[in-house]
Amino acid sequence: MTRRDLLLLMLLPAFTACAPDRDTLPGDYSARNGEIEIRLRLGKDGKGVWSTDTDEIPFKWSRRDEGHIWLHTVAGGVIPGIIEGEDIRLTLPGVPPLVFTPLP
């Protein structure tokens, strides 16, 4: 084993501990905008779906740090969100903030 290999083995736990934790967010969430219910599904694989009664939009998601999440759209846009306890708050232009709460 070389010095480099030994150094990598020593640093690997530190890098793993610093990696954003995706395991606490996956699941199904729901928010309301007036009479419209919006569902958000976050998969453990970093993929998700935004759905209403009439639409279903796939996206990828990533946790930026302890308090932020980004939804990456297929078109290349990013929707930033704030993690508030178990809830996720998303702010979109022209729409009141959406607070997604976990579904049982």
PDB file of N, CA and C in Angstrom:
ATOM      1  N   MET A   1       0.852  -1.174   0.000  1.00  0.00           N
ATOM      2  CA  MET A   1       0.000   0.000   0.000  1.00  0.00           C
ATOM      3  C   MET A   1       0.901   1.241   0.000  1.00  0.00           C
ATOM      4  N   THR A   2       0.609   2.143  -0.909  1.00  0.00           N
ATOM      5  CA  THR A   2       1.419   3.352  -1.020  1.00  0.00           C
ATOM      6  C   THR A   2       0.925   4.401  -0.031  1.00  0.00           C
ATOM      7  N   ARG A   3       1.716   5.438   0.103  1.00  0.00           N
ATOM      8  CA  ARG A   3       1.318   6.554   0.976  1.00  0.00           C
ATOM      9  C   ARG A   3       0.024   7.183   0.493  1.00  0.00           C
ATOM     10  N   ARG A   4      -0.079   7.286  -0.832  1.00  0.00           N
ATOM     11  CA  ARG A   4      -1.275   7.894  -1.419  1.00  0.00           C
ATOM     12  C   ARG A   4      -2.521   7.070  -1.071  1.00  0.00           C
ATOM     13  N   ASP A   5      -2.421   5.753  -1.183  1.00  0.00           N
ATOM     14  CA  ASP A   5      -3.544   4.876  -0.848  1.00  0.00           C
ATOM     15  C   ASP A   5      -3.930   5.017   0.621  1.00  0.00           C
ATOM     16  N   LEU A   6      -2.943   5.079   1.473  1.00  0.00           N
ATOM     17  CA  LEU A   6      -3.189   5.232   2.898  1.00  0.00           C
ATOM     18  C   LEU A   6      -3.885   6.563   3.192  1.00  0.00           C
ATOM     19  N   LEU A   7      -3.426   7.620   2.541  1.00  0.00           N
ATOM     20  CA  LEU A   7      -4.039   8.933   2.721  1.00  0.00           C
ATOM     21  C   LEU A   7      -5.495   8.918   2.255  1.00  0.00           C
ATOM     22  N   LEU A   8      -5.761   8.288   1.122  1.00  0.00           N
ATOM     23  CA  LEU A   8      -7.136   8.187   0.631  1.00  0.00           C
ATOM     24  C   LEU A   8      -8.029   7.431   1.605  1.00  0.00           C
ATOM     25  N   LEU A   9      -7.515   6.347   2.156  1.00  0.00           N
ATOM     26  CA  LEU A   9      -8.292   5.580   3.129  1.00  0.00           C
ATOM     27  C   LEU A   9      -8.599   6.390   4.381  1.00  0.00           C
ATOM     28  N   MET A  10      -7.673   7.238   4.779  1.00  0.00           N
ATOM     29  CA  MET A  10      -7.878   8.068   5.966  1.00  0.00           C
ATOM     30  C   MET A  10      -8.864   9.200   5.688  1.00  0.00           C
ATOM     31  N   LEU A  11      -8.858   9.739   4.480  1.00  0.00           N
ATOM     32  CA  LEU A  11      -9.720  10.869   4.154  1.00  0.00           C
ATOM     33  C   LEU A  11     -11.124  10.465   3.715  1.00  0.00           C
ATOM     34  N   LEU A  12     -11.298   9.245   3.263  1.00  0.00           N
ATOM     35  CA  LEU A  12     -12.596   8.797   2.774  1.00  0.00           C
ATOM     36  C   LEU A  12     -13.723   8.990   3.791  1.00  0.00           C
ATOM     37  N   PRO A  13     -13.551   8.616   5.064  1.00  0.00           N
ATOM     38  CA  PRO A  13     -14.632   8.857   6.035  1.00  0.00           C
ATOM     39  C   PRO A  13     -14.960  10.343   6.195  1.00  0.00           C
ATOM     40  N   ALA A  14     -13.970  11.201   6.105  1.00  0.00           N
ATOM     41  CA  ALA A  14     -14.224  12.639   6.228  1.00  0.00           C
ATOM     42  C   ALA A  14     -15.047  13.138   5.047  1.00  0.00           C
ATOM     43  N   PHE A  15     -14.706  12.685   3.844  1.00  0.00           N
ATOM     44  CA  PHE A  15     -15.473  13.100   2.663  1.00  0.00           C
ATOM     45  C   PHE A  15     -16.899  12.572   2.729  1.00  0.00           C
ATOM     46  N   THR A  16     -17.066  11.362   3.193  1.00  0.00           N
ATOM     47  CA  THR A  16     -18.396  10.775   3.307  1.00  0.00           C
ATOM     48  C   THR A  16     -19.228  11.537   4.331  1.00  0.00           C
ATOM     49  N   ALA A  17     -18.639  11.931   5.416  1.00  0.00           N
ATOM     50  CA  ALA A  17     -19.363  12.678   6.450  1.00  0.00           C
ATOM     51  C   ALA A  17     -19.774  14.053   5.962  1.00  0.00           C
ATOM     52  N   CYS A  18     -19.016  14.635   5.050  1.00  0.00           N
ATOM     53  CA  CYS A  18     -19.317  15.969   4.538  1.00  0.00           C
ATOM     54  C   CYS A  18     -20.304  15.944   3.381  1.00  0.00           C
ATOM     55  N   ALA A  19     -20.571  14.792   2.805  1.00  0.00           N
ATOM     56  CA  ALA A  19     -21.465  14.707   1.652  1.00  0.00           C
ATOM     57  C   ALA A  19     -22.888  15.038   2.084  1.00  0.00           C
ATOM     58  N   PRO A  20     -23.632  15.781   1.248  1.00  0.00           N
ATOM     59  CA  PRO A  20     -25.015  16.087   1.596  1.00  0.00           C
ATOM     60  C   PRO A  20     -25.822  14.807   1.763  1.00  0.00           C
ATOM     61  N   ASP A  21     -26.646  14.771   2.777  1.00  0.00           N
ATOM     62  CA  ASP A  21     -27.441  13.587   3.069  1.00  0.00           C
ATOM     63  C   ASP A  21     -28.739  13.636   2.279  1.00  0.00           C
ATOM     64  N   ARG A  22     -28.926  12.685   1.383  1.00  0.00           N
ATOM     65  CA  ARG A  22     -30.123  12.635   0.573  1.00  0.00           C
ATOM     66  C   ARG A  22     -31.154  11.709   1.210  1.00  0.00           C
ATOM     67  N   ASP A  23     -30.752  10.953   2.218  1.00  0.00           N
ATOM     68  CA  ASP A  23     -31.624   9.924   2.766  1.00  0.00           C
ATOM     69  C   ASP A  23     -32.788  10.458   3.587  1.00  0.00           C
ATOM     70  N   THR A  24     -32.725  11.665   4.085  1.00  0.00           N
ATOM     71  CA  THR A  24     -33.804  12.168   4.925  1.00  0.00           C
ATOM     72  C   THR A  24     -34.911  12.838   4.123  1.00  0.00           C
ATOM     73  N   LEU A  25     -34.683  13.167   2.868  1.00  0.00           N
ATOM     74  CA  LEU A  25     -35.681  13.874   2.075  1.00  0.00           C
ATOM     75  C   LEU A  25     -36.557  13.012   1.166  1.00  0.00           C
ATOM     76  N   PRO A  26     -36.105  11.873   0.664  1.00  0.00           N
ATOM     77  CA  PRO A  26     -36.953  11.124  -0.267  1.00  0.00           C
ATOM     78  C   PRO A  26     -38.319  10.807   0.321  1.00  0.00           C
ATOM     79  N   GLY A  27     -39.320  10.862  -0.547  1.00  0.00           N
ATOM     80  CA  GLY A  27     -40.681  10.572  -0.124  1.00  0.00           C
ATOM     81  C   GLY A  27     -41.662  11.407  -0.909  1.00  0.00           C
ATOM     82  N   ASP A  28     -42.917  11.359  -0.492  1.00  0.00           N
ATOM     83  CA  ASP A  28     -43.993  12.089  -1.150  1.00  0.00           C
ATOM     84  C   ASP A  28     -44.399  13.284  -0.306  1.00  0.00           C
ATOM     85  N   TYR A  29     -44.624  14.413  -0.983  1.00  0.00           N
ATOM     86  CA  TYR A  29     -44.991  15.667  -0.338  1.00  0.00           C
ATOM     87  C   TYR A  29     -46.212  16.245  -1.046  1.00  0.00           C
ATOM     88  N   SER A  30     -46.917  17.129  -0.356  1.00  0.00           N
ATOM     89  CA  SER A  30     -48.092  17.759  -0.937  1.00  0.00           C
ATOM     90  C   SER A  30     -48.150  19.229  -0.528  1.00  0.00           C
ATOM     91  N   ALA A  31     -48.610  20.066  -1.474  1.00  0.00           N
ATOM     92  CA  ALA A  31     -48.824  21.492  -1.202  1.00  0.00           C
ATOM     93  C   ALA A  31     -50.105  21.912  -1.912  1.00  0.00           C
ATOM     94  N   ARG A  32     -50.660  23.043  -1.494  1.00  0.00           N
ATOM     95  CA  ARG A  32     -51.858  23.570  -2.141  1.00  0.00           C
ATOM     96  C   ARG A  32     -51.599  24.978  -2.630  1.00  0.00           C
ATOM     97  N   ASN A  33     -52.137  25.253  -3.835  1.00  0.00           N
ATOM     98  CA  ASN A  33     -52.144  26.600  -4.394  1.00  0.00           C
ATOM     99  C   ASN A  33     -53.599  26.877  -4.733  1.00  0.00           C
ATOM    100  N   GLY A  34     -54.306  27.496  -3.795  1.00  0.00           N
ATOM    101  CA  GLY A  34     -55.744  27.662  -3.966  1.00  0.00           C
ATOM    102  C   GLY A  34     -56.405  26.300  -3.893  1.00  0.00           C
ATOM    103  N   GLU A  35     -57.145  25.945  -4.944  1.00  0.00           N
ATOM    104  CA  GLU A  35     -57.823  24.651  -4.971  1.00  0.00           C
ATOM    105  C   GLU A  35     -56.984  23.556  -5.624  1.00  0.00           C
ATOM    106  N   ILE A  36     -55.818  23.901  -6.115  1.00  0.00           N
ATOM    107  CA  ILE A  36     -54.968  22.936  -6.812  1.00  0.00           C
ATOM    108  C   ILE A  36     -54.017  22.260  -5.826  1.00  0.00           C
ATOM    109  N   GLU A  37     -54.053  20.926  -5.816  1.00  0.00           N
ATOM    110  CA  GLU A  37     -53.095  20.172  -5.005  1.00  0.00           C
ATOM    111  C   GLU A  37     -51.907  19.812  -5.890  1.00  0.00           C
ATOM    112  N   ILE A  38     -50.728  20.049  -5.363  1.00  0.00           N
ATOM    113  CA  ILE A  38     -49.497  19.729  -6.081  1.00  0.00           C
ATOM    114  C   ILE A  38     -48.765  18.670  -5.269  1.00  0.00           C
ATOM    115  N   ARG A  39     -48.346  17.624  -5.947  1.00  0.00           N
ATOM    116  CA  ARG A  39     -47.591  16.560  -5.273  1.00  0.00           C
ATOM    117  C   ARG A  39     -46.161  16.563  -5.769  1.00  0.00           C
ATOM    118  N   LEU A  40     -45.292  16.282  -4.859  1.00  0.00           N
ATOM    119  CA  LEU A  40     -43.863  16.241  -5.145  1.00  0.00           C
ATOM    120  C   LEU A  40     -43.356  14.890  -4.666  1.00  0.00           C
ATOM    121  N   ARG A  41     -42.714  14.146  -5.550  1.00  0.00           N
ATOM    122  CA  ARG A  41     -42.119  12.860  -5.160  1.00  0.00           C
ATOM    123  C   ARG A  41     -40.613  12.969  -5.342  1.00  0.00           C
ATOM    124  N   LEU A  42     -39.873  12.758  -4.257  1.00  0.00           N
ATOM    125  CA  LEU A  42     -38.414  12.764  -4.296  1.00  0.00           C
ATOM    126  C   LEU A  42     -37.928  11.331  -4.143  1.00  0.00           C
ATOM    127  N   GLY A  43     -37.259  10.819  -5.159  1.00  0.00           N
ATOM    128  CA  GLY A  43     -36.737   9.461  -5.105  1.00  0.00           C
ATOM    129  C   GLY A  43     -35.358   9.416  -4.476  1.00  0.00           C
ATOM    130  N   LYS A  44     -34.999   8.271  -3.937  1.00  0.00           N
ATOM    131  CA  LYS A  44     -33.676   8.107  -3.328  1.00  0.00           C
ATOM    132  C   LYS A  44     -32.562   8.201  -4.356  1.00  0.00           C
ATOM    133  N   ASP A  45     -32.911   7.992  -5.627  1.00  0.00           N
ATOM    134  CA  ASP A  45     -31.917   8.032  -6.698  1.00  0.00           C
ATOM    135  C   ASP A  45     -31.678   9.439  -7.245  1.00  0.00           C
ATOM    136  N   GLY A  46     -32.292  10.469  -6.625  1.00  0.00           N
ATOM    137  CA  GLY A  46     -32.104  11.840  -7.085  1.00  0.00           C
ATOM    138  C   GLY A  46     -33.065  12.246  -8.186  1.00  0.00           C
ATOM    139  N   LYS A  47     -34.014  11.382  -8.515  1.00  0.00           N
ATOM    140  CA  LYS A  47     -35.031  11.717  -9.512  1.00  0.00           C
ATOM    141  C   LYS A  47     -36.331  12.017  -8.793  1.00  0.00           C
ATOM    142  N   GLY A  48     -37.164  12.832  -9.435  1.00  0.00           N
ATOM    143  CA  GLY A  48     -38.424  13.178  -8.819  1.00  0.00           C
ATOM    144  C   GLY A  48     -39.491  13.482  -9.839  1.00  0.00           C
ATOM    145  N   VAL A  49     -40.711  13.697  -9.340  1.00  0.00           N
ATOM    146  CA  VAL A  49     -41.852  14.031 -10.189  1.00  0.00           C
ATOM    147  C   VAL A  49     -42.680  15.093  -9.479  1.00  0.00           C
ATOM    148  N   TRP A  50     -43.046  16.133 -10.224  1.00  0.00           N
ATOM    149  CA  TRP A  50     -43.951  17.193  -9.782  1.00  0.00           C
ATOM    150  C   TRP A  50     -45.263  16.886 -10.478  1.00  0.00           C
ATOM    151  N   SER A  51     -46.361  16.711  -9.745  1.00  0.00           N
ATOM    152  CA  SER A  51     -47.605  16.335 -10.416  1.00  0.00           C
ATOM    153  C   SER A  51     -48.808  17.082  -9.857  1.00  0.00           C
ATOM    154  N   THR A  52     -49.746  17.331 -10.777  1.00  0.00           N
ATOM    155  CA  THR A  52     -51.063  17.871 -10.450  1.00  0.00           C
ATOM    156  C   THR A  52     -52.076  16.933 -11.100  1.00  0.00           C
ATOM    157  N   ASP A  53     -53.352  17.309 -11.050  1.00  0.00           N
ATOM    158  CA  ASP A  53     -54.375  16.480 -11.696  1.00  0.00           C
ATOM    159  C   ASP A  53     -54.164  16.389 -13.200  1.00  0.00           C
ATOM    160  N   THR A  54     -53.536  17.400 -13.787  1.00  0.00           N
ATOM    161  CA  THR A  54     -53.426  17.455 -15.249  1.00  0.00           C
ATOM    162  C   THR A  54     -52.013  17.278 -15.787  1.00  0.00           C
ATOM    163  N   ASP A  55     -50.994  17.406 -14.966  1.00  0.00           N
ATOM    164  CA  ASP A  55     -49.606  17.354 -15.436  1.00  0.00           C
ATOM    165  C   ASP A  55     -48.742  16.464 -14.561  1.00  0.00           C
ATOM    166  N   GLU A  56     -47.689  15.958 -15.170  1.00  0.00           N
ATOM    167  CA  GLU A  56     -46.665  15.219 -14.438  1.00  0.00           C
ATOM    168  C   GLU A  56     -45.321  15.608 -15.048  1.00  0.00           C
ATOM    169  N   ILE A  57     -44.469  16.242 -14.248  1.00  0.00           N
ATOM    170  CA  ILE A  57     -43.210  16.778 -14.757  1.00  0.00           C
ATOM    171  C   ILE A  57     -42.040  16.116 -14.031  1.00  0.00           C
ATOM    172  N   PRO A  58     -41.195  15.398 -14.766  1.00  0.00           N
ATOM    173  CA  PRO A  58     -40.021  14.780 -14.135  1.00  0.00           C
ATOM    174  C   PRO A  58     -38.916  15.807 -13.904  1.00  0.00           C
ATOM    175  N   PHE A  59     -38.099  15.574 -12.909  1.00  0.00           N
ATOM    176  CA  PHE A  59     -36.956  16.439 -12.618  1.00  0.00           C
ATOM    177  C   PHE A  59     -35.921  15.623 -11.860  1.00  0.00           C
ATOM    178  N   LYS A  60     -34.765  16.213 -11.681  1.00  0.00           N
ATOM    179  CA  LYS A  60     -33.750  15.649 -10.792  1.00  0.00           C
ATOM    180  C   LYS A  60     -33.615  16.605  -9.624  1.00  0.00           C
ATOM    181  N   TRP A  61     -33.201  16.101  -8.487  1.00  0.00           N
ATOM    182  CA  TRP A  61     -33.053  16.971  -7.329  1.00  0.00           C
ATOM    183  C   TRP A  61     -31.725  16.706  -6.647  1.00  0.00           C
ATOM    184  N   SER A  62     -31.271  17.760  -5.958  1.00  0.00           N
ATOM    185  CA  SER A  62     -30.036  17.635  -5.184  1.00  0.00           C
ATOM    186  C   SER A  62     -30.165  18.492  -3.934  1.00  0.00           C
ATOM    187  N   ARG A  63     -29.566  18.016  -2.879  1.00  0.00           N
ATOM    188  CA  ARG A  63     -29.542  18.769  -1.623  1.00  0.00           C
ATOM    189  C   ARG A  63     -28.267  19.585  -1.625  1.00  0.00           C
ATOM    190  N   ARG A  64     -28.403  20.891  -1.519  1.00  0.00           N
ATOM    191  CA  ARG A  64     -27.246  21.778  -1.612  1.00  0.00           C
ATOM    192  C   ARG A  64     -26.477  21.841  -0.300  1.00  0.00           C
ATOM    193  N   ASP A  65     -27.170  21.888   0.785  1.00  0.00           N
ATOM    194  CA  ASP A  65     -26.572  21.888   2.118  1.00  0.00           C
ATOM    195  C   ASP A  65     -27.689  21.540   3.090  1.00  0.00           C
ATOM    196  N   GLU A  66     -27.490  21.763   4.351  1.00  0.00           N
ATOM    197  CA  GLU A  66     -28.486  21.357   5.344  1.00  0.00           C
ATOM    198  C   GLU A  66     -29.837  22.045   5.169  1.00  0.00           C
ATOM    199  N   GLY A  67     -29.871  23.218   4.567  1.00  0.00           N
ATOM    200  CA  GLY A  67     -31.130  23.946   4.498  1.00  0.00           C
ATOM    201  C   GLY A  67     -31.671  24.205   3.109  1.00  0.00           C
ATOM    202  N   HIS A  68     -31.053  23.644   2.075  1.00  0.00           N
ATOM    203  CA  HIS A  68     -31.479  23.972   0.714  1.00  0.00           C
ATOM    204  C   HIS A  68     -31.554  22.745  -0.189  1.00  0.00           C
ATOM    205  N   ILE A  69     -32.519  22.787  -1.100  1.00  0.00           N
ATOM    206  CA  ILE A  69     -32.696  21.741  -2.105  1.00  0.00           C
ATOM    207  C   ILE A  69     -32.865  22.423  -3.458  1.00  0.00           C
ATOM    208  N   TRP A  70     -32.380  21.793  -4.504  1.00  0.00           N
ATOM    209  CA  TRP A  70     -32.559  22.307  -5.864  1.00  0.00           C
ATOM    210  C   TRP A  70     -33.289  21.264  -6.679  1.00  0.00           C
ATOM    211  N   LEU A  71     -34.323  21.703  -7.403  1.00  0.00           N
ATOM    212  CA  LEU A  71     -34.997  20.852  -8.372  1.00  0.00           C
ATOM    213  C   LEU A  71     -34.470  21.250  -9.745  1.00  0.00           C
ATOM    214  N   HIS A  72     -33.901  20.302 -10.465  1.00  0.00           N
ATOM    215  CA  HIS A  72     -33.309  20.554 -11.782  1.00  0.00           C
ATOM    216  C   HIS A  72     -34.298  20.086 -12.846  1.00  0.00           C
ATOM    217  N   THR A  73     -34.827  21.035 -13.639  1.00  0.00           N
ATOM    218  CA  THR A  73     -35.820  20.680 -14.644  1.00  0.00           C
ATOM    219  C   THR A  73     -35.160  20.091 -15.881  1.00  0.00           C
ATOM    220  N   VAL A  74     -35.954  19.384 -16.681  1.00  0.00           N
ATOM    221  CA  VAL A  74     -35.464  18.785 -17.922  1.00  0.00           C
ATOM    222  C   VAL A  74     -34.991  19.874 -18.886  1.00  0.00           C
ATOM    223  N   ALA A  75     -35.636  21.040 -18.842  1.00  0.00           N
ATOM    224  CA  ALA A  75     -35.277  22.143 -19.735  1.00  0.00           C
ATOM    225  C   ALA A  75     -34.000  22.859 -19.300  1.00  0.00           C
ATOM    226  N   GLY A  76     -33.444  22.489 -18.153  1.00  0.00           N
ATOM    227  CA  GLY A  76     -32.197  23.091 -17.699  1.00  0.00           C
ATOM    228  C   GLY A  76     -32.351  24.138 -16.615  1.00  0.00           C
ATOM    229  N   GLY A  77     -33.575  24.413 -16.195  1.00  0.00           N
ATOM    230  CA  GLY A  77     -33.793  25.382 -15.132  1.00  0.00           C
ATOM    231  C   GLY A  77     -33.573  24.766 -13.762  1.00  0.00           C
ATOM    232  N   VAL A  78     -33.444  25.641 -12.774  1.00  0.00           N
ATOM    233  CA  VAL A  78     -33.274  25.199 -11.389  1.00  0.00           C
ATOM    234  C   VAL A  78     -34.304  25.923 -10.531  1.00  0.00           C
ATOM    235  N   ILE A  79     -35.022  25.156  -9.726  1.00  0.00           N
ATOM    236  CA  ILE A  79     -35.966  25.722  -8.769  1.00  0.00           C
ATOM    237  C   ILE A  79     -35.358  25.527  -7.389  1.00  0.00           C
ATOM    238  N   PRO A  80     -34.917  26.625  -6.754  1.00  0.00           N
ATOM    239  CA  PRO A  80     -34.327  26.485  -5.420  1.00  0.00           C
ATOM    240  C   PRO A  80     -35.415  26.363  -4.357  1.00  0.00           C
ATOM    241  N   GLY A  81     -35.135  25.584  -3.337  1.00  0.00           N
ATOM    242  CA  GLY A  81     -36.071  25.423  -2.244  1.00  0.00           C
ATOM    243  C   GLY A  81     -35.367  25.496  -0.905  1.00  0.00           C
ATOM    244  N   ILE A  82     -36.155  25.748   0.124  1.00  0.00           N
ATOM    245  CA  ILE A  82     -35.633  25.826   1.486  1.00  0.00           C
ATOM    246  C   ILE A  82     -36.246  24.687   2.291  1.00  0.00           C
ATOM    247  N   ILE A  83     -35.407  23.955   3.000  1.00  0.00           N
ATOM    248  CA  ILE A  83     -35.868  22.862   3.849  1.00  0.00           C
ATOM    249  C   ILE A  83     -36.138  23.441   5.235  1.00  0.00           C
ATOM    250  N   GLU A  84     -37.390  23.303   5.680  1.00  0.00           N
ATOM    251  CA  GLU A  84     -37.802  23.830   6.984  1.00  0.00           C
ATOM    252  C   GLU A  84     -38.328  22.671   7.826  1.00  0.00           C
ATOM    253  N   GLY A  85     -37.450  22.057   8.594  1.00  0.00           N
ATOM    254  CA  GLY A  85     -37.843  20.870   9.353  1.00  0.00           C
ATOM    255  C   GLY A  85     -38.129  19.737   8.390  1.00  0.00           C
ATOM    256  N   GLU A  86     -39.374  19.239   8.389  1.00  0.00           N
ATOM    257  CA  GLU A  86     -39.771  18.187   7.451  1.00  0.00           C
ATOM    258  C   GLU A  86     -40.374  18.760   6.177  1.00  0.00           C
ATOM    259  N   ASP A  87     -40.653  20.063   6.161  1.00  0.00           N
ATOM    260  CA  ASP A  87     -41.295  20.711   5.017  1.00  0.00           C
ATOM    261  C   ASP A  87     -40.270  21.249   4.022  1.00  0.00           C
ATOM    262  N   ILE A  88     -40.742  21.460   2.797  1.00  0.00           N
ATOM    263  CA  ILE A  88     -39.921  22.062   1.743  1.00  0.00           C
ATOM    264  C   ILE A  88     -40.683  23.257   1.194  1.00  0.00           C
ATOM    265  N   ARG A  89     -40.054  24.428   1.211  1.00  0.00           N
ATOM    266  CA  ARG A  89     -40.684  25.654   0.710  1.00  0.00           C
ATOM    267  C   ARG A  89     -40.057  26.018  -0.630  1.00  0.00           C
ATOM    268  N   LEU A  90     -40.918  26.128  -1.658  1.00  0.00           N
ATOM    269  CA  LEU A  90     -40.471  26.529  -2.986  1.00  0.00           C
ATOM    270  C   LEU A  90     -41.122  27.851  -3.351  1.00  0.00           C
ATOM    271  N   THR A  91     -40.353  28.756  -3.915  1.00  0.00           N
ATOM    272  CA  THR A  91     -40.871  30.041  -4.362  1.00  0.00           C
ATOM    273  C   THR A  91     -40.689  30.126  -5.868  1.00  0.00           C
ATOM    274  N   LEU A  92     -41.817  30.249  -6.570  1.00  0.00           N
ATOM    275  CA  LEU A  92     -41.813  30.361  -8.025  1.00  0.00           C
ATOM    276  C   LEU A  92     -42.314  31.742  -8.414  1.00  0.00           C
ATOM    277  N   PRO A  93     -41.844  32.289  -9.521  1.00  0.00           N
ATOM    278  CA  PRO A  93     -42.299  33.613  -9.952  1.00  0.00           C
ATOM    279  C   PRO A  93     -43.816  33.638 -10.184  1.00  0.00           C
ATOM    280  N   GLY A  94     -44.468  34.648  -9.648  1.00  0.00           N
ATOM    281  CA  GLY A  94     -45.893  34.847  -9.872  1.00  0.00           C
ATOM    282  C   GLY A  94     -46.816  33.935  -9.078  1.00  0.00           C
ATOM    283  N   VAL A  95     -46.262  33.157  -8.164  1.00  0.00           N
ATOM    284  CA  VAL A  95     -47.061  32.225  -7.361  1.00  0.00           C
ATOM    285  C   VAL A  95     -46.676  32.422  -5.897  1.00  0.00           C
ATOM    286  N   PRO A  96     -47.657  32.419  -4.991  1.00  0.00           N
ATOM    287  CA  PRO A  96     -47.285  32.488  -3.573  1.00  0.00           C
ATOM    288  C   PRO A  96     -46.381  31.305  -3.218  1.00  0.00           C
ATOM    289  N   PRO A  97     -45.546  31.449  -2.200  1.00  0.00           N
ATOM    290  CA  PRO A  97     -44.666  30.333  -1.812  1.00  0.00           C
ATOM    291  C   PRO A  97     -45.471  29.052  -1.571  1.00  0.00           C
ATOM    292  N   LEU A  98     -44.922  27.946  -2.033  1.00  0.00           N
ATOM    293  CA  LEU A  98     -45.551  26.641  -1.846  1.00  0.00           C
ATOM    294  C   LEU A  98     -44.818  25.902  -0.739  1.00  0.00           C
ATOM    295  N   VAL A  99     -45.557  25.452   0.263  1.00  0.00           N
ATOM    296  CA  VAL A  99     -44.961  24.690   1.357  1.00  0.00           C
ATOM    297  C   VAL A  99     -45.413  23.237   1.209  1.00  0.00           C
ATOM    298  N   PHE A 100     -44.460  22.381   0.879  1.00  0.00           N
ATOM    299  CA  PHE A 100     -44.733  20.959   0.697  1.00  0.00           C
ATOM    300  C   PHE A 100     -44.508  20.243   2.020  1.00  0.00           C
ATOM    301  N   THR A 101     -45.550  19.558   2.482  1.00  0.00           N
ATOM    302  CA  THR A 101     -45.452  18.797   3.722  1.00  0.00           C
ATOM    303  C   THR A 101     -45.430  17.304   3.382  1.00  0.00           C
ATOM    304  N   PRO A 102     -44.718  16.499   4.166  1.00  0.00           N
ATOM    305  CA  PRO A 102     -44.638  15.066   3.876  1.00  0.00           C
ATOM    306  C   PRO A 102     -46.002  14.392   3.977  1.00  0.00           C
ATOM    307  N   LEU A 103     -46.255  13.472   3.078  1.00  0.00           N
ATOM    308  CA  LEU A 103     -47.477  12.678   3.144  1.00  0.00           C
ATOM    309  C   LEU A 103     -47.222  11.455   4.020  1.00  0.00           C
ATOM    310  N   PRO A 104     -48.239  11.026   4.743  1.00  0.00           N
ATOM    311  CA  PRO A 104     -48.066   9.847   5.603  1.00  0.00           C
ATOM    312  C   PRO A 104     -47.832   8.580   4.796  1.00  0.00           C
TER     313      PRO A 104
END
